Amino acid sequence: MSILPHHNYPSRSLAHVPTCPRLCPIARLTCSATTTTKPRSSQNQLVIEPRLVATPDLVTPIIPSSGPPLPNDPSLQSTWSHQAWVASGCTTLLISLAKAVTGAVDSHMWLEPMLAGYVGYSLADLLSGVYHWGIDNYGDASTPIFGSQIEGFQGHHKWPWTITRRQFANNLHALARSITLVVLPIDILCNDPVIQSFVCICAGCIMFSQQFHAWSHGTKSKLPLLVVALQDAGVLVSRSQHAAHHRPPYNSNYCIVSGTCNEFLDKNKVLEASEMVIFFKLGVRPRSWSEPGAEWTEETDEIHPEATVH
């Protein structure tokens, strides 16, 4: 009878176990002993069987699947910098308004500034629709300058009710920053009441368009009565009109100031024609030409089901 000779293998501490991020090759040693009458039999076997053993990932953190922000999520709350930008934006708008009013009084000219204000109001609605259309249909999170906004609008289509939970300055600070940088030089260099009236109304509607947008997702019973009255009168984009934008095929009702330009853009297929021009010139297809994917499928607000407006 022969017995496998005993070998002393150096022991290793568990601390030396390799911590590879996914799968580590581990060799399983299988020893067998057989009984035989031959003194020099070669039946002793040392079998090395390689196999893959999953080990815990100690390096790469586990990233949970994305989901809607919680009601107390910091991303929905205003910071001091948000509030500072909104305050500066409002200040530049008030300066522009004051110059428009004082200039109209001094020159006894009222009709032209009022018409200029109306043009600015209509243009702001049109620009909000064109911008919204572009963000919805082109680019992605990696797009320079606009990437974060594109990603945000994609999330908005999936969880539209989250905009109603954003604090005021949090919702407006990005637009307020742009308005401050554009309007401030005009305030300093221009005293024409017609120009100032146009700039004040147009820039003001653009800056507050995200708040008008948030109100269009609100529940009627929870909105201020003045807001509901302005929505019903068509001065601000209504809840029912904007709800159509959040239904397939998601290619209409882009304007979010008053919504008055939606009929012109949709009935005359202005944006659809623009998509064709871009496709034939640049070969880029808009997202609205494809079947809506999971990123466009709206999820129900499980905390406040009534917040989703249809």
C-alpha atoms as a PDB file:
ATOM      1  CA  MET A   1       0.000   0.000   0.000  1.00  0.00           C
ATOM      2  CA  SER A   2       1.319   3.396  -0.895  1.00  0.00           C
ATOM      3  CA  ILE A   3       0.163   6.664   0.581  1.00  0.00           C
ATOM      4  CA  LEU A   4       0.556  10.084  -0.965  1.00  0.00           C
ATOM      5  CA  PRO A   5       3.468  11.850   0.683  1.00  0.00           C
ATOM      6  CA  HIS A   6       2.509  14.794   2.859  1.00  0.00           C
ATOM      7  CA  HIS A   7       3.697  18.197   1.657  1.00  0.00           C
ATOM      8  CA  ASN A   8       3.795  21.292   3.790  1.00  0.00           C
ATOM      9  CA  TYR A   9       2.303  24.208   1.807  1.00  0.00           C
ATOM     10  CA  PRO A  10       2.866  27.676   3.281  1.00  0.00           C
ATOM     11  CA  SER A  11      -0.323  29.099   4.651  1.00  0.00           C
ATOM     12  CA  ARG A  12      -1.577  32.466   3.446  1.00  0.00           C
ATOM     13  CA  SER A  13      -3.632  34.989   5.351  1.00  0.00           C
ATOM     14  CA  LEU A  14      -7.078  35.913   4.071  1.00  0.00           C
ATOM     15  CA  ALA A  15      -5.727  39.397   3.652  1.00  0.00           C
ATOM     16  CA  HIS A  16      -3.777  38.187   0.646  1.00  0.00           C
ATOM     17  CA  VAL A  17      -6.857  37.081  -1.286  1.00  0.00           C
ATOM     18  CA  PRO A  18      -6.870  39.100  -4.523  1.00  0.00           C
ATOM     19  CA  THR A  19      -9.562  41.721  -4.650  1.00  0.00           C
ATOM     20  CA  CYS A  20     -10.262  41.845  -8.339  1.00  0.00           C
ATOM     21  CA  PRO A  21     -13.257  43.927  -9.347  1.00  0.00           C
ATOM     22  CA  ARG A  22     -15.267  41.155 -11.020  1.00  0.00           C
ATOM     23  CA  LEU A  23     -14.188  37.489 -11.281  1.00  0.00           C
ATOM     24  CA  CYS A  24     -10.986  35.959  -9.923  1.00  0.00           C
ATOM     25  CA  PRO A  25      -9.452  32.713 -11.204  1.00  0.00           C
ATOM     26  CA  ILE A  26      -9.102  30.259  -8.273  1.00  0.00           C
ATOM     27  CA  ALA A  27      -7.310  26.917  -8.623  1.00  0.00           C
ATOM     28  CA  ARG A  28      -9.011  23.998  -6.866  1.00  0.00           C
ATOM     29  CA  LEU A  29      -6.571  21.306  -5.769  1.00  0.00           C
ATOM     30  CA  THR A  30      -7.930  17.746  -5.731  1.00  0.00           C
ATOM     31  CA  CYS A  31      -5.765  15.023  -4.188  1.00  0.00           C
ATOM     32  CA  SER A  32      -6.573  11.319  -4.427  1.00  0.00           C
ATOM     33  CA  ALA A  33      -4.990   8.233  -2.894  1.00  0.00           C
ATOM     34  CA  THR A  34      -5.354   4.701  -4.265  1.00  0.00           C
ATOM     35  CA  THR A  35      -4.357   1.328  -2.856  1.00  0.00           C
ATOM     36  CA  THR A  36      -2.101  -0.878  -4.990  1.00  0.00           C
ATOM     37  CA  THR A  37       0.349  -3.769  -4.612  1.00  0.00           C
ATOM     38  CA  LYS A  38       2.917  -2.180  -6.868  1.00  0.00           C
ATOM     39  CA  PRO A  39       5.488  -0.251  -4.788  1.00  0.00           C
ATOM     40  CA  ARG A  40       6.263   2.303  -7.490  1.00  0.00           C
ATOM     41  CA  SER A  41       2.875   2.860  -8.906  1.00  0.00           C
ATOM     42  CA  SER A  42       2.183   6.212 -10.449  1.00  0.00           C
ATOM     43  CA  GLN A  43      -1.419   6.329  -9.325  1.00  0.00           C
ATOM     44  CA  ASN A  44      -0.797   9.358  -7.112  1.00  0.00           C
ATOM     45  CA  GLN A  45      -2.548  12.306  -8.755  1.00  0.00           C
ATOM     46  CA  LEU A  46      -2.398  16.019  -8.176  1.00  0.00           C
ATOM     47  CA  VAL A  47      -5.216  17.521 -10.208  1.00  0.00           C
ATOM     48  CA  ILE A  48      -5.302  21.263 -10.783  1.00  0.00           C
ATOM     49  CA  GLU A  49      -8.750  22.328 -11.959  1.00  0.00           C
ATOM     50  CA  PRO A  50      -9.034  26.047 -12.734  1.00  0.00           C
ATOM     51  CA  ARG A  51     -12.396  27.687 -12.262  1.00  0.00           C
ATOM     52  CA  LEU A  52     -13.809  31.213 -11.874  1.00  0.00           C
ATOM     53  CA  VAL A  53     -15.152  32.213  -8.512  1.00  0.00           C
ATOM     54  CA  ALA A  54     -17.123  35.404  -8.061  1.00  0.00           C
ATOM     55  CA  THR A  55     -15.712  37.619  -5.343  1.00  0.00           C
ATOM     56  CA  PRO A  56     -17.152  40.771  -3.816  1.00  0.00           C
ATOM     57  CA  ASP A  57     -16.261  43.963  -5.643  1.00  0.00           C
ATOM     58  CA  LEU A  58     -14.300  45.941  -3.076  1.00  0.00           C
ATOM     59  CA  VAL A  59     -13.233  48.730  -5.395  1.00  0.00           C
ATOM     60  CA  THR A  60     -16.069  49.758  -7.701  1.00  0.00           C
ATOM     61  CA  PRO A  61     -19.076  51.195  -5.837  1.00  0.00           C
ATOM     62  CA  ILE A  62     -22.518  49.863  -6.616  1.00  0.00           C
ATOM     63  CA  ILE A  63     -24.470  52.551  -8.430  1.00  0.00           C
ATOM     64  CA  PRO A  64     -28.215  52.244  -7.917  1.00  0.00           C
ATOM     65  CA  SER A  65     -30.556  52.572 -10.869  1.00  0.00           C
ATOM     66  CA  SER A  66     -31.687  56.108 -11.535  1.00  0.00           C
ATOM     67  CA  GLY A  67     -35.065  57.174 -10.315  1.00  0.00           C
ATOM     68  CA  PRO A  68     -37.087  60.270  -9.555  1.00  0.00           C
ATOM     69  CA  PRO A  69     -35.720  62.574  -6.855  1.00  0.00           C
ATOM     70  CA  LEU A  70     -37.346  62.304  -3.465  1.00  0.00           C
ATOM     71  CA  PRO A  71     -39.376  65.255  -2.127  1.00  0.00           C
ATOM     72  CA  ASN A  72     -36.507  66.363   0.135  1.00  0.00           C
ATOM     73  CA  ASP A  73     -33.787  65.712  -2.428  1.00  0.00           C
ATOM     74  CA  PRO A  74     -31.081  68.438  -2.341  1.00  0.00           C
ATOM     75  CA  SER A  75     -31.273  68.696  -6.142  1.00  0.00           C
ATOM     76  CA  LEU A  76     -34.761  70.211  -5.762  1.00  0.00           C
ATOM     77  CA  GLN A  77     -33.809  72.780  -3.138  1.00  0.00           C
ATOM     78  CA  SER A  78     -32.553  76.313  -3.665  1.00  0.00           C
ATOM     79  CA  THR A  79     -29.052  77.329  -2.642  1.00  0.00           C
ATOM     80  CA  TRP A  80     -27.738  80.785  -1.842  1.00  0.00           C
ATOM     81  CA  SER A  81     -26.158  80.995  -5.323  1.00  0.00           C
ATOM     82  CA  HIS A  82     -29.529  80.138  -6.932  1.00  0.00           C
ATOM     83  CA  GLN A  83     -31.192  82.876  -4.932  1.00  0.00           C
ATOM     84  CA  ALA A  84     -28.427  85.355  -5.776  1.00  0.00           C
ATOM     85  CA  TRP A  85     -28.808  84.775  -9.519  1.00  0.00           C
ATOM     86  CA  VAL A  86     -32.586  85.065  -9.377  1.00  0.00           C
ATOM     87  CA  ALA A  87     -32.248  88.303  -7.368  1.00  0.00           C
ATOM     88  CA  SER A  88     -29.790  89.714  -9.911  1.00  0.00           C
ATOM     89  CA  GLY A  89     -32.052  88.694 -12.798  1.00  0.00           C
ATOM     90  CA  CYS A  90     -35.054  90.388 -11.192  1.00  0.00           C
ATOM     91  CA  THR A  91     -32.967  93.494 -10.519  1.00  0.00           C
ATOM     92  CA  THR A  92     -31.924  93.866 -14.157  1.00  0.00           C
ATOM     93  CA  LEU A  93     -35.557  93.374 -15.250  1.00  0.00           C
ATOM     94  CA  LEU A  94     -36.787  96.027 -12.814  1.00  0.00           C
ATOM     95  CA  ILE A  95     -34.158  98.483 -14.072  1.00  0.00           C
ATOM     96  CA  SER A  96     -35.301  97.821 -17.637  1.00  0.00           C
ATOM     97  CA  LEU A  97     -38.957  98.285 -16.649  1.00  0.00           C
ATOM     98  CA  ALA A  98     -38.178 101.535 -14.818  1.00  0.00           C
ATOM     99  CA  LYS A  99     -36.336 102.912 -17.843  1.00  0.00           C
ATOM    100  CA  ALA A 100     -39.233 101.926 -20.110  1.00  0.00           C
ATOM    101  CA  VAL A 101     -41.821 103.649 -17.900  1.00  0.00           C
ATOM    102  CA  THR A 102     -39.819 106.808 -17.214  1.00  0.00           C
ATOM    103  CA  GLY A 103     -38.878 107.095 -20.875  1.00  0.00           C
ATOM    104  CA  ALA A 104     -42.525 106.744 -21.921  1.00  0.00           C
ATOM    105  CA  VAL A 105     -43.587 109.405 -19.402  1.00  0.00           C
ATOM    106  CA  ASP A 106     -40.887 111.846 -20.462  1.00  0.00           C
ATOM    107  CA  SER A 107     -41.599 111.403 -24.158  1.00  0.00           C
ATOM    108  CA  HIS A 108     -45.393 111.096 -23.798  1.00  0.00           C
ATOM    109  CA  MET A 109     -45.135 107.978 -25.910  1.00  0.00           C
ATOM    110  CA  TRP A 110     -47.239 105.018 -24.710  1.00  0.00           C
ATOM    111  CA  LEU A 111     -48.452 103.072 -27.712  1.00  0.00           C
ATOM    112  CA  GLU A 112     -45.036 102.127 -29.095  1.00  0.00           C
ATOM    113  CA  PRO A 113     -43.665 100.763 -25.780  1.00  0.00           C
ATOM    114  CA  MET A 114     -46.889  98.780 -25.251  1.00  0.00           C
ATOM    115  CA  LEU A 115     -46.702  97.277 -28.731  1.00  0.00           C
ATOM    116  CA  ALA A 116     -43.024  96.514 -28.211  1.00  0.00           C
ATOM    117  CA  GLY A 117     -43.905  94.745 -24.947  1.00  0.00           C
ATOM    118  CA  TYR A 118     -46.532  92.635 -26.705  1.00  0.00           C
ATOM    119  CA  VAL A 119     -44.039  91.678 -29.415  1.00  0.00           C
ATOM    120  CA  GLY A 120     -41.567  90.701 -26.706  1.00  0.00           C
ATOM    121  CA  TYR A 121     -44.221  88.599 -24.970  1.00  0.00           C
ATOM    122  CA  SER A 122     -45.096  86.763 -28.201  1.00  0.00           C
ATOM    123  CA  LEU A 123     -41.449  86.281 -29.150  1.00  0.00           C
ATOM    124  CA  ALA A 124     -40.668  84.827 -25.724  1.00  0.00           C
ATOM    125  CA  ASP A 125     -43.383  82.200 -26.216  1.00  0.00           C
ATOM    126  CA  LEU A 126     -42.042  81.354 -29.682  1.00  0.00           C
ATOM    127  CA  LEU A 127     -38.438  81.130 -28.465  1.00  0.00           C
ATOM    128  CA  SER A 128     -39.431  78.911 -25.544  1.00  0.00           C
ATOM    129  CA  GLY A 129     -41.081  76.505 -27.997  1.00  0.00           C
ATOM    130  CA  VAL A 130     -38.159  76.414 -30.427  1.00  0.00           C
ATOM    131  CA  TYR A 131     -35.678  75.903 -27.596  1.00  0.00           C
ATOM    132  CA  HIS A 132     -37.846  73.200 -26.014  1.00  0.00           C
ATOM    133  CA  TRP A 133     -38.144  71.451 -29.386  1.00  0.00           C
ATOM    134  CA  GLY A 134     -34.381  71.490 -29.905  1.00  0.00           C
ATOM    135  CA  ILE A 135     -33.605  70.169 -26.421  1.00  0.00           C
ATOM    136  CA  ASP A 136     -36.202  67.408 -26.728  1.00  0.00           C
ATOM    137  CA  ASN A 137     -35.063  66.163 -30.123  1.00  0.00           C
ATOM    138  CA  TYR A 138     -31.325  66.647 -30.477  1.00  0.00           C
ATOM    139  CA  GLY A 139     -28.179  65.961 -28.477  1.00  0.00           C
ATOM    140  CA  ASP A 140     -27.618  64.047 -25.270  1.00  0.00           C
ATOM    141  CA  ALA A 141     -26.019  64.404 -21.860  1.00  0.00           C
ATOM    142  CA  SER A 142     -22.552  64.714 -23.437  1.00  0.00           C
ATOM    143  CA  THR A 143     -23.502  67.660 -25.661  1.00  0.00           C
ATOM    144  CA  PRO A 144     -21.355  70.710 -24.826  1.00  0.00           C
ATOM    145  CA  ILE A 145     -23.099  73.540 -22.942  1.00  0.00           C
ATOM    146  CA  PHE A 146     -26.593  72.083 -23.295  1.00  0.00           C
ATOM    147  CA  GLY A 147     -25.909  68.518 -22.111  1.00  0.00           C
ATOM    148  CA  SER A 148     -27.222  68.940 -18.574  1.00  0.00           C
ATOM    149  CA  GLN A 149     -30.375  70.650 -19.857  1.00  0.00           C
ATOM    150  CA  ILE A 150     -30.994  67.894 -22.401  1.00  0.00           C
ATOM    151  CA  GLU A 151     -30.595  65.286 -19.682  1.00  0.00           C
ATOM    152  CA  GLY A 152     -32.894  67.278 -17.407  1.00  0.00           C
ATOM    153  CA  PHE A 153     -35.627  67.503 -20.031  1.00  0.00           C
ATOM    154  CA  GLN A 154     -35.363  63.755 -20.643  1.00  0.00           C
ATOM    155  CA  GLY A 155     -35.890  63.162 -16.945  1.00  0.00           C
ATOM    156  CA  HIS A 156     -38.764  65.635 -17.000  1.00  0.00           C
ATOM    157  CA  HIS A 157     -40.611  63.548 -19.582  1.00  0.00           C
ATOM    158  CA  LYS A 158     -40.241  60.470 -17.382  1.00  0.00           C
ATOM    159  CA  TRP A 159     -41.112  62.210 -14.120  1.00  0.00           C
ATOM    160  CA  PRO A 160     -42.895  65.460 -15.126  1.00  0.00           C
ATOM    161  CA  TRP A 161     -44.380  66.019 -11.682  1.00  0.00           C
ATOM    162  CA  THR A 162     -40.934  66.602 -10.107  1.00  0.00           C
ATOM    163  CA  ILE A 163     -40.895  70.150 -11.504  1.00  0.00           C
ATOM    164  CA  THR A 164     -43.715  71.035  -9.086  1.00  0.00           C
ATOM    165  CA  ARG A 165     -41.422  70.128  -6.179  1.00  0.00           C
ATOM    166  CA  ARG A 166     -38.530  72.323  -7.197  1.00  0.00           C
ATOM    167  CA  GLN A 167     -38.084  75.393  -5.080  1.00  0.00           C
ATOM    168  CA  PHE A 168     -38.546  78.716  -6.837  1.00  0.00           C
ATOM    169  CA  ALA A 169     -34.894  79.793  -7.180  1.00  0.00           C
ATOM    170  CA  ASN A 170     -33.786  76.253  -7.976  1.00  0.00           C
ATOM    171  CA  ASN A 171     -36.157  76.227 -10.937  1.00  0.00           C
ATOM    172  CA  LEU A 172     -35.187  79.655 -12.305  1.00  0.00           C
ATOM    173  CA  HIS A 173     -31.519  80.216 -11.504  1.00  0.00           C
ATOM    174  CA  ALA A 174     -30.080  78.980 -14.833  1.00  0.00           C
ATOM    175  CA  LEU A 175     -32.312  81.262 -16.890  1.00  0.00           C
ATOM    176  CA  ALA A 176     -31.820  84.110 -14.416  1.00  0.00           C
ATOM    177  CA  ARG A 177     -28.067  83.905 -14.894  1.00  0.00           C
ATOM    178  CA  SER A 178     -28.401  84.176 -18.680  1.00  0.00           C
ATOM    179  CA  ILE A 179     -30.890  87.032 -18.418  1.00  0.00           C
ATOM    180  CA  THR A 180     -28.600  88.946 -16.064  1.00  0.00           C
ATOM    181  CA  LEU A 181     -25.636  88.676 -18.428  1.00  0.00           C
ATOM    182  CA  VAL A 182     -27.693  89.743 -21.458  1.00  0.00           C
ATOM    183  CA  VAL A 183     -29.942  92.453 -20.014  1.00  0.00           C
ATOM    184  CA  LEU A 184     -27.453  94.244 -17.750  1.00  0.00           C
ATOM    185  CA  PRO A 185     -25.392  95.733 -20.640  1.00  0.00           C
ATOM    186  CA  ILE A 186     -28.631  96.881 -22.310  1.00  0.00           C
ATOM    187  CA  ASP A 187     -29.696  98.568 -19.055  1.00  0.00           C
ATOM    188  CA  ILE A 188     -26.406 100.423 -18.940  1.00  0.00           C
ATOM    189  CA  LEU A 189     -26.184 101.477 -22.589  1.00  0.00           C
ATOM    190  CA  CYS A 190     -29.781 102.039 -23.694  1.00  0.00           C
ATOM    191  CA  ASN A 191     -32.429 104.560 -22.587  1.00  0.00           C
ATOM    192  CA  ASP A 192     -34.945 104.087 -25.404  1.00  0.00           C
ATOM    193  CA  PRO A 193     -38.346 103.245 -23.809  1.00  0.00           C
ATOM    194  CA  VAL A 194     -39.425 101.129 -26.801  1.00  0.00           C
ATOM    195  CA  ILE A 195     -36.318  98.953 -26.688  1.00  0.00           C
ATOM    196  CA  GLN A 196     -36.431  98.711 -22.903  1.00  0.00           C
ATOM    197  CA  SER A 197     -40.096  97.722 -22.980  1.00  0.00           C
ATOM    198  CA  PHE A 198     -39.372  94.961 -25.482  1.00  0.00           C
ATOM    199  CA  VAL A 199     -36.337  93.724 -23.540  1.00  0.00           C
ATOM    200  CA  CYS A 200     -38.092  93.819 -20.166  1.00  0.00           C
ATOM    201  CA  ILE A 201     -41.157  91.803 -21.245  1.00  0.00           C
ATOM    202  CA  CYS A 202     -39.330  89.356 -23.495  1.00  0.00           C
ATOM    203  CA  ALA A 203     -36.512  88.653 -21.034  1.00  0.00           C
ATOM    204  CA  GLY A 204     -38.908  88.525 -18.101  1.00  0.00           C
ATOM    205  CA  CYS A 205     -41.154  85.942 -19.781  1.00  0.00           C
ATOM    206  CA  ILE A 206     -38.142  83.843 -20.733  1.00  0.00           C
ATOM    207  CA  MET A 207     -36.733  83.969 -17.222  1.00  0.00           C
ATOM    208  CA  PHE A 208     -40.037  82.997 -15.594  1.00  0.00           C
ATOM    209  CA  SER A 209     -41.008  80.489 -18.305  1.00  0.00           C
ATOM    210  CA  GLN A 210     -39.854  77.606 -16.133  1.00  0.00           C
ATOM    211  CA  GLN A 211     -42.210  78.764 -13.385  1.00  0.00           C
ATOM    212  CA  PHE A 212     -45.072  79.001 -15.905  1.00  0.00           C
ATOM    213  CA  HIS A 213     -44.053  75.490 -16.970  1.00  0.00           C
ATOM    214  CA  ALA A 214     -44.196  74.264 -13.370  1.00  0.00           C
ATOM    215  CA  TRP A 215     -47.673  75.757 -12.907  1.00  0.00           C
ATOM    216  CA  SER A 216     -48.857  73.927 -16.040  1.00  0.00           C
ATOM    217  CA  HIS A 217     -48.044  70.674 -14.214  1.00  0.00           C
ATOM    218  CA  GLY A 218     -49.768  71.729 -11.006  1.00  0.00           C
ATOM    219  CA  THR A 219     -53.110  70.663  -9.635  1.00  0.00           C
ATOM    220  CA  LYS A 220     -55.766  73.328 -10.157  1.00  0.00           C
ATOM    221  CA  SER A 221     -56.926  73.228  -6.540  1.00  0.00           C
ATOM    222  CA  LYS A 222     -53.364  73.886  -5.301  1.00  0.00           C
ATOM    223  CA  LEU A 223     -52.503  76.750  -7.666  1.00  0.00           C
ATOM    224  CA  PRO A 224     -53.029  80.424  -6.733  1.00  0.00           C
ATOM    225  CA  LEU A 225     -56.346  81.737  -8.022  1.00  0.00           C
ATOM    226  CA  LEU A 226     -54.588  84.432 -10.072  1.00  0.00           C
ATOM    227  CA  VAL A 227     -52.468  81.787 -11.829  1.00  0.00           C
ATOM    228  CA  VAL A 228     -55.540  79.699 -12.640  1.00  0.00           C
ATOM    229  CA  ALA A 229     -57.304  82.803 -13.997  1.00  0.00           C
ATOM    230  CA  LEU A 230     -54.319  83.689 -16.208  1.00  0.00           C
ATOM    231  CA  GLN A 231     -54.135  80.105 -17.480  1.00  0.00           C
ATOM    232  CA  ASP A 232     -57.844  80.039 -18.279  1.00  0.00           C
ATOM    233  CA  ALA A 233     -57.522  83.388 -20.075  1.00  0.00           C
ATOM    234  CA  GLY A 234     -54.633  82.107 -22.200  1.00  0.00           C
ATOM    235  CA  VAL A 235     -52.105  84.563 -20.774  1.00  0.00           C
ATOM    236  CA  LEU A 236     -50.089  81.659 -19.309  1.00  0.00           C
ATOM    237  CA  VAL A 237     -49.792  78.186 -20.810  1.00  0.00           C
ATOM    238  CA  SER A 238     -52.697  76.082 -19.566  1.00  0.00           C
ATOM    239  CA  ARG A 239     -52.519  72.705 -17.882  1.00  0.00           C
ATOM    240  CA  SER A 240     -54.591  70.938 -20.543  1.00  0.00           C
ATOM    241  CA  GLN A 241     -52.597  72.406 -23.427  1.00  0.00           C
ATOM    242  CA  HIS A 242     -49.225  71.434 -22.015  1.00  0.00           C
ATOM    243  CA  ALA A 243     -50.496  67.987 -20.993  1.00  0.00           C
ATOM    244  CA  ALA A 244     -50.823  67.242 -24.728  1.00  0.00           C
ATOM    245  CA  HIS A 245     -47.059  67.639 -25.035  1.00  0.00           C
ATOM    246  CA  HIS A 246     -46.563  64.767 -22.584  1.00  0.00           C
ATOM    247  CA  ARG A 247     -48.580  62.305 -24.649  1.00  0.00           C
ATOM    248  CA  PRO A 248     -47.267  60.307 -27.631  1.00  0.00           C
ATOM    249  CA  PRO A 249     -45.832  61.131 -30.091  1.00  0.00           C
ATOM    250  CA  TYR A 250     -44.401  64.023 -27.994  1.00  0.00           C
ATOM    251  CA  ASN A 251     -43.966  66.308 -31.009  1.00  0.00           C
ATOM    252  CA  SER A 252     -46.356  69.208 -30.381  1.00  0.00           C
ATOM    253  CA  ASN A 253     -47.216  71.995 -27.908  1.00  0.00           C
ATOM    254  CA  TYR A 254     -43.617  72.912 -27.149  1.00  0.00           C
ATOM    255  CA  CYS A 255     -44.242  76.552 -26.141  1.00  0.00           C
ATOM    256  CA  ILE A 256     -44.376  77.120 -22.373  1.00  0.00           C
ATOM    257  CA  VAL A 257     -44.966  80.859 -21.851  1.00  0.00           C
ATOM    258  CA  SER A 258     -48.503  81.408 -23.098  1.00  0.00           C
ATOM    259  CA  GLY A 259     -48.814  78.580 -25.604  1.00  0.00           C
ATOM    260  CA  THR A 260     -50.305  80.947 -28.183  1.00  0.00           C
ATOM    261  CA  CYS A 261     -47.634  80.045 -30.738  1.00  0.00           C
ATOM    262  CA  ASN A 262     -48.336  76.316 -30.472  1.00  0.00           C
ATOM    263  CA  GLU A 263     -51.242  76.457 -32.893  1.00  0.00           C
ATOM    264  CA  PHE A 264     -49.195  78.273 -35.528  1.00  0.00           C
ATOM    265  CA  LEU A 265     -46.192  75.936 -35.170  1.00  0.00           C
ATOM    266  CA  ASP A 266     -48.233  72.724 -35.085  1.00  0.00           C
ATOM    267  CA  LYS A 267     -50.858  73.536 -37.707  1.00  0.00           C
ATOM    268  CA  ASN A 268     -48.278  74.730 -40.230  1.00  0.00           C
ATOM    269  CA  LYS A 269     -45.813  71.950 -39.307  1.00  0.00           C
ATOM    270  CA  VAL A 270     -43.027  74.495 -38.937  1.00  0.00           C
ATOM    271  CA  LEU A 271     -40.940  72.347 -36.622  1.00  0.00           C
ATOM    272  CA  GLU A 272     -41.540  69.195 -38.669  1.00  0.00           C
ATOM    273  CA  ALA A 273     -40.277  71.032 -41.749  1.00  0.00           C
ATOM    274  CA  SER A 274     -37.221  72.131 -39.767  1.00  0.00           C
ATOM    275  CA  GLU A 275     -36.574  68.504 -38.816  1.00  0.00           C
ATOM    276  CA  MET A 276     -36.626  67.521 -42.496  1.00  0.00           C
ATOM    277  CA  VAL A 277     -34.180  70.280 -43.398  1.00  0.00           C
ATOM    278  CA  ILE A 278     -31.799  69.250 -40.614  1.00  0.00           C
ATOM    279  CA  PHE A 279     -32.045  65.598 -41.643  1.00  0.00           C
ATOM    280  CA  PHE A 280     -31.333  66.204 -45.324  1.00  0.00           C
ATOM    281  CA  LYS A 281     -28.588  68.729 -44.645  1.00  0.00           C
ATOM    282  CA  LEU A 282     -26.859  67.075 -41.664  1.00  0.00           C
ATOM    283  CA  GLY A 283     -28.239  63.542 -41.607  1.00  0.00           C
ATOM    284  CA  VAL A 284     -29.425  63.874 -38.017  1.00  0.00           C
ATOM    285  CA  ARG A 285     -32.753  62.312 -37.067  1.00  0.00           C
ATOM    286  CA  PRO A 286     -34.847  63.913 -34.307  1.00  0.00           C
ATOM    287  CA  ARG A 287     -35.977  61.751 -31.414  1.00  0.00           C
ATOM    288  CA  SER A 288     -39.623  62.394 -32.315  1.00  0.00           C
ATOM    289  CA  TRP A 289     -39.201  60.200 -35.432  1.00  0.00           C
ATOM    290  CA  SER A 290     -38.520  57.126 -33.323  1.00  0.00           C
ATOM    291  CA  GLU A 291     -40.881  55.079 -31.217  1.00  0.00           C
ATOM    292  CA  PRO A 292     -40.902  56.457 -27.658  1.00  0.00           C
ATOM    293  CA  GLY A 293     -38.536  54.481 -25.449  1.00  0.00           C
ATOM    294  CA  ALA A 294     -38.463  53.906 -21.712  1.00  0.00           C
ATOM    295  CA  GLU A 295     -36.905  57.334 -21.154  1.00  0.00           C
ATOM    296  CA  TRP A 296     -40.110  58.939 -22.511  1.00  0.00           C
ATOM    297  CA  THR A 297     -42.603  56.711 -20.695  1.00  0.00           C
ATOM    298  CA  GLU A 298     -44.107  58.689 -17.869  1.00  0.00           C
ATOM    299  CA  GLU A 299     -44.097  57.104 -14.422  1.00  0.00           C
ATOM    300  CA  THR A 300     -46.807  57.774 -11.888  1.00  0.00           C
ATOM    301  CA  ASP A 301     -46.053  59.844  -8.834  1.00  0.00           C
ATOM    302  CA  GLU A 302     -46.450  57.249  -6.091  1.00  0.00           C
ATOM    303  CA  ILE A 303     -46.300  59.831  -3.306  1.00  0.00           C
ATOM    304  CA  HIS A 304     -48.801  62.321  -4.758  1.00  0.00           C
ATOM    305  CA  PRO A 305     -50.700  60.588  -7.597  1.00  0.00           C
ATOM    306  CA  GLU A 306     -52.823  63.657  -8.222  1.00  0.00           C
ATOM    307  CA  ALA A 307     -49.746  65.679  -9.234  1.00  0.00           C
ATOM    308  CA  THR A 308     -49.681  64.109 -12.697  1.00  0.00           C
ATOM    309  CA  VAL A 309     -51.898  66.196 -14.957  1.00  0.00           C
ATOM    310  CA  HIS A 310     -53.527  64.759 -18.108  1.00  0.00           C
END
